Amino acid sequence: MTTIAFQDLRDKLRDFSMARDWDQFHTPKNLATALAVEAAELLEHFQWLRDEESRSLQPETREAVSLEAADVLLYLIRFADKLDLDLIALAHRKIEINSARYPVALARGNAKKYTDL
């Protein structure tokens, strides 16, 4: 996703919220809560699936999962907007941090947390 596309989504969400007078409800706390709820709704679709089943979803489940994933993204964008966070820059920074925490020589093929490598 380009930065412009990301900003377009952010702006579209701002407009959507303002048109409905929802900005008053979109506090960082409320948005973080909504984000967690949507992530749980996403997870619910995978709750009892075997690993292989989760890789090849039935069309109706894939559609539901797609919409839940979109909800997670939209709430995260709105949350970041409220706190003036640059998610793209922060994601790049986090990858750099994780690269240092999980050097290839120690982490390749290993699911341990960086503190246990």
Foldseek 3Di string as FASTA:
>chain_A
DDPVVLVVLLVVLVVVCVVVVNPVVLDLVNLVVQLVVLVVVLCVLCVPPDPVCVVPDDPVSVVSNVVSVVSNVSSVSSSCVNVVHDVVVVVVVVVVVVCVLQPCVRNPVHPDGSVVD
